[in-house]
């Protein structure tokens, strides 16, 4: 996964400031718990990261410089939101394979069919 400049700056800041890291761990876990749909949770985290970046860019010089160079409204923070979800939440259990049917049939495009 590749993070853009704003995402990387936010991630580095959160990693190096324990209070901020704890705040975001709690927030990501709460948003993931409130929204069982992973894309929906990611979108909520993305929105919260944008709000946080706007707030922090008024007081942190490193964020202020980035805010002047790129519009947070036009910059996606979705990759960072997805990364934080993977890092700080339990993975959702996978759905079991459907019972019955031909277990050995595979996908119609499989080359290794018997």
C-alpha atoms as a PDB file:
ATOM      1  CA  UNK A   1       0.000   0.000   0.000  1.00  0.00           C
ATOM      2  CA  UNK A   2       1.208   3.447  -0.860  1.00  0.00           C
ATOM      3  CA  UNK A   3       0.453   6.501   1.271  1.00  0.00           C
ATOM      4  CA  UNK A   4       0.384  10.025  -0.118  1.00  0.00           C
ATOM      5  CA  UNK A   5       2.333  12.875   1.540  1.00  0.00           C
ATOM      6  CA  UNK A   6      -0.502  13.910   3.846  1.00  0.00           C
ATOM      7  CA  UNK A   7      -1.267  10.322   4.877  1.00  0.00           C
ATOM      8  CA  UNK A   8       2.399   9.646   5.557  1.00  0.00           C
ATOM      9  CA  UNK A   9       2.766  12.816   7.658  1.00  0.00           C
ATOM     10  CA  UNK A  10      -0.369  11.960   9.661  1.00  0.00           C
ATOM     11  CA  UNK A  11       0.764   8.375  10.208  1.00  0.00           C
ATOM     12  CA  UNK A  12       4.268   9.435  11.287  1.00  0.00           C
ATOM     13  CA  UNK A  13       2.816  12.012  13.677  1.00  0.00           C
ATOM     14  CA  UNK A  14       0.412   9.516  15.238  1.00  0.00           C
ATOM     15  CA  UNK A  15       3.146   6.876  15.539  1.00  0.00           C
ATOM     16  CA  UNK A  16       5.521   9.213  17.354  1.00  0.00           C
ATOM     17  CA  UNK A  17       2.995  10.758  19.769  1.00  0.00           C
ATOM     18  CA  UNK A  18       1.652   8.150  22.229  1.00  0.00           C
ATOM     19  CA  UNK A  19      -1.414  10.191  23.248  1.00  0.00           C
ATOM     20  CA  UNK A  20      -2.408  10.702  19.625  1.00  0.00           C
ATOM     21  CA  UNK A  21      -1.790   7.031  18.841  1.00  0.00           C
ATOM     22  CA  UNK A  22      -4.039   5.952  21.722  1.00  0.00           C
ATOM     23  CA  UNK A  23      -6.723   8.424  20.628  1.00  0.00           C
ATOM     24  CA  UNK A  24      -6.686   7.064  17.054  1.00  0.00           C
ATOM     25  CA  UNK A  25      -6.563   3.424  18.137  1.00  0.00           C
ATOM     26  CA  UNK A  26      -9.676   3.981  20.249  1.00  0.00           C
ATOM     27  CA  UNK A  27     -11.399   5.994  17.508  1.00  0.00           C
ATOM     28  CA  UNK A  28     -10.653   3.442  14.753  1.00  0.00           C
ATOM     29  CA  UNK A  29     -11.836   0.558  16.928  1.00  0.00           C
ATOM     30  CA  UNK A  30     -15.017   2.419  17.911  1.00  0.00           C
ATOM     31  CA  UNK A  31     -15.856   3.372  14.331  1.00  0.00           C
ATOM     32  CA  UNK A  32     -15.198  -0.192  13.157  1.00  0.00           C
ATOM     33  CA  UNK A  33     -17.436  -1.568  15.925  1.00  0.00           C
ATOM     34  CA  UNK A  34     -20.211   0.927  15.127  1.00  0.00           C
ATOM     35  CA  UNK A  35     -20.135   0.145  11.430  1.00  0.00           C
ATOM     36  CA  UNK A  36     -19.997  -3.569  10.558  1.00  0.00           C
ATOM     37  CA  UNK A  37     -19.516  -2.731   6.866  1.00  0.00           C
ATOM     38  CA  UNK A  38     -15.713  -2.315   6.375  1.00  0.00           C
ATOM     39  CA  UNK A  39     -16.016   0.140   3.450  1.00  0.00           C
ATOM     40  CA  UNK A  40     -18.440   2.231   5.502  1.00  0.00           C
ATOM     41  CA  UNK A  41     -16.114   2.218   8.513  1.00  0.00           C
ATOM     42  CA  UNK A  42     -13.192   3.170   6.276  1.00  0.00           C
ATOM     43  CA  UNK A  43     -15.166   6.094   4.858  1.00  0.00           C
ATOM     44  CA  UNK A  44     -15.972   7.321   8.386  1.00  0.00           C
ATOM     45  CA  UNK A  45     -12.307   7.049   9.422  1.00  0.00           C
ATOM     46  CA  UNK A  46     -11.295   8.887   6.234  1.00  0.00           C
ATOM     47  CA  UNK A  47     -13.696  11.733   7.129  1.00  0.00           C
ATOM     48  CA  UNK A  48     -12.349  11.883  10.697  1.00  0.00           C
ATOM     49  CA  UNK A  49      -8.755  11.955   9.439  1.00  0.00           C
ATOM     50  CA  UNK A  50      -9.631  14.861   7.118  1.00  0.00           C
ATOM     51  CA  UNK A  51     -11.220  16.780  10.001  1.00  0.00           C
ATOM     52  CA  UNK A  52      -8.192  16.048  12.201  1.00  0.00           C
ATOM     53  CA  UNK A  53      -5.754  17.165   9.500  1.00  0.00           C
ATOM     54  CA  UNK A  54      -7.619  20.462   9.015  1.00  0.00           C
ATOM     55  CA  UNK A  55      -7.641  21.057  12.775  1.00  0.00           C
ATOM     56  CA  UNK A  56      -3.977  20.175  13.271  1.00  0.00           C
ATOM     57  CA  UNK A  57      -2.749  22.091  10.226  1.00  0.00           C
ATOM     58  CA  UNK A  58      -3.651  25.327  12.003  1.00  0.00           C
ATOM     59  CA  UNK A  59      -1.201  24.583  14.853  1.00  0.00           C
ATOM     60  CA  UNK A  60       1.468  22.224  13.504  1.00  0.00           C
ATOM     61  CA  UNK A  61       3.972  23.717  11.050  1.00  0.00           C
ATOM     62  CA  UNK A  62       4.599  20.402   9.257  1.00  0.00           C
ATOM     63  CA  UNK A  63       0.873  19.971   8.589  1.00  0.00           C
ATOM     64  CA  UNK A  64       0.423  23.643   7.724  1.00  0.00           C
ATOM     65  CA  UNK A  65       3.010  23.370   4.949  1.00  0.00           C
ATOM     66  CA  UNK A  66       1.225  20.314   3.523  1.00  0.00           C
ATOM     67  CA  UNK A  67      -2.179  21.987   3.800  1.00  0.00           C
ATOM     68  CA  UNK A  68      -0.949  24.924   1.727  1.00  0.00           C
ATOM     69  CA  UNK A  69       0.419  22.571  -0.932  1.00  0.00           C
ATOM     70  CA  UNK A  70      -2.629  20.324  -1.334  1.00  0.00           C
ATOM     71  CA  UNK A  71      -6.307  20.566  -0.591  1.00  0.00           C
ATOM     72  CA  UNK A  72      -7.359  17.968   2.017  1.00  0.00           C
ATOM     73  CA  UNK A  73     -10.815  17.999   0.423  1.00  0.00           C
ATOM     74  CA  UNK A  74      -9.199  16.788  -2.794  1.00  0.00           C
ATOM     75  CA  UNK A  75      -6.675  14.455  -1.173  1.00  0.00           C
ATOM     76  CA  UNK A  76      -7.813  10.976  -0.283  1.00  0.00           C
ATOM     77  CA  UNK A  77      -6.947   9.642   3.156  1.00  0.00           C
ATOM     78  CA  UNK A  78      -8.624   6.317   2.411  1.00  0.00           C
ATOM     79  CA  UNK A  79      -5.357   4.356   2.161  1.00  0.00           C
ATOM     80  CA  UNK A  80      -4.383   5.506   5.641  1.00  0.00           C
ATOM     81  CA  UNK A  81      -7.880   4.722   6.939  1.00  0.00           C
ATOM     82  CA  UNK A  82      -7.641   1.187   5.510  1.00  0.00           C
ATOM     83  CA  UNK A  83      -4.143   0.751   6.936  1.00  0.00           C
ATOM     84  CA  UNK A  84      -5.254   1.813  10.422  1.00  0.00           C
ATOM     85  CA  UNK A  85      -8.255  -0.539  10.212  1.00  0.00           C
ATOM     86  CA  UNK A  86      -5.943  -3.462   9.388  1.00  0.00           C
ATOM     87  CA  UNK A  87      -3.468  -2.461  12.074  1.00  0.00           C
ATOM     88  CA  UNK A  88      -5.807  -1.841  14.992  1.00  0.00           C
ATOM     89  CA  UNK A  89      -8.911  -3.975  14.520  1.00  0.00           C
ATOM     90  CA  UNK A  90      -9.551  -7.680  14.588  1.00  0.00           C
ATOM     91  CA  UNK A  91     -10.047  -9.148  11.129  1.00  0.00           C
ATOM     92  CA  UNK A  92     -13.623 -10.094  10.326  1.00  0.00           C
ATOM     93  CA  UNK A  93     -14.178 -13.855  10.123  1.00  0.00           C
ATOM     94  CA  UNK A  94     -14.469 -15.128   6.590  1.00  0.00           C
ATOM     95  CA  UNK A  95     -17.688 -16.673   5.437  1.00  0.00           C
ATOM     96  CA  UNK A  96     -17.421 -20.464   5.250  1.00  0.00           C
ATOM     97  CA  UNK A  97     -17.434 -22.113   1.835  1.00  0.00           C
ATOM     98  CA  UNK A  98     -20.941 -23.062   0.736  1.00  0.00           C
ATOM     99  CA  UNK A  99     -21.970 -26.551   1.801  1.00  0.00           C
ATOM    100  CA  UNK A 100     -22.802 -29.034  -0.913  1.00  0.00           C
ATOM    101  CA  UNK A 101     -21.964 -28.486  -4.530  1.00  0.00           C
ATOM    102  CA  UNK A 102     -18.834 -29.755  -6.200  1.00  0.00           C
ATOM    103  CA  UNK A 103     -15.938 -28.780  -3.928  1.00  0.00           C
ATOM    104  CA  UNK A 104     -13.354 -29.807  -6.521  1.00  0.00           C
ATOM    105  CA  UNK A 105     -14.860 -27.935  -9.456  1.00  0.00           C
ATOM    106  CA  UNK A 106     -13.073 -24.645  -8.725  1.00  0.00           C
ATOM    107  CA  UNK A 107     -13.556 -21.488 -10.724  1.00  0.00           C
ATOM    108  CA  UNK A 108     -14.511 -21.900 -14.384  1.00  0.00           C
ATOM    109  CA  UNK A 109     -11.252 -20.196 -15.386  1.00  0.00           C
ATOM    110  CA  UNK A 110      -9.007 -22.459 -13.297  1.00  0.00           C
ATOM    111  CA  UNK A 111      -6.280 -24.118 -15.325  1.00  0.00           C
ATOM    112  CA  UNK A 112      -5.658 -26.850 -12.761  1.00  0.00           C
ATOM    113  CA  UNK A 113      -9.032 -28.548 -13.048  1.00  0.00           C
ATOM    114  CA  UNK A 114      -9.152 -32.307 -13.061  1.00  0.00           C
END
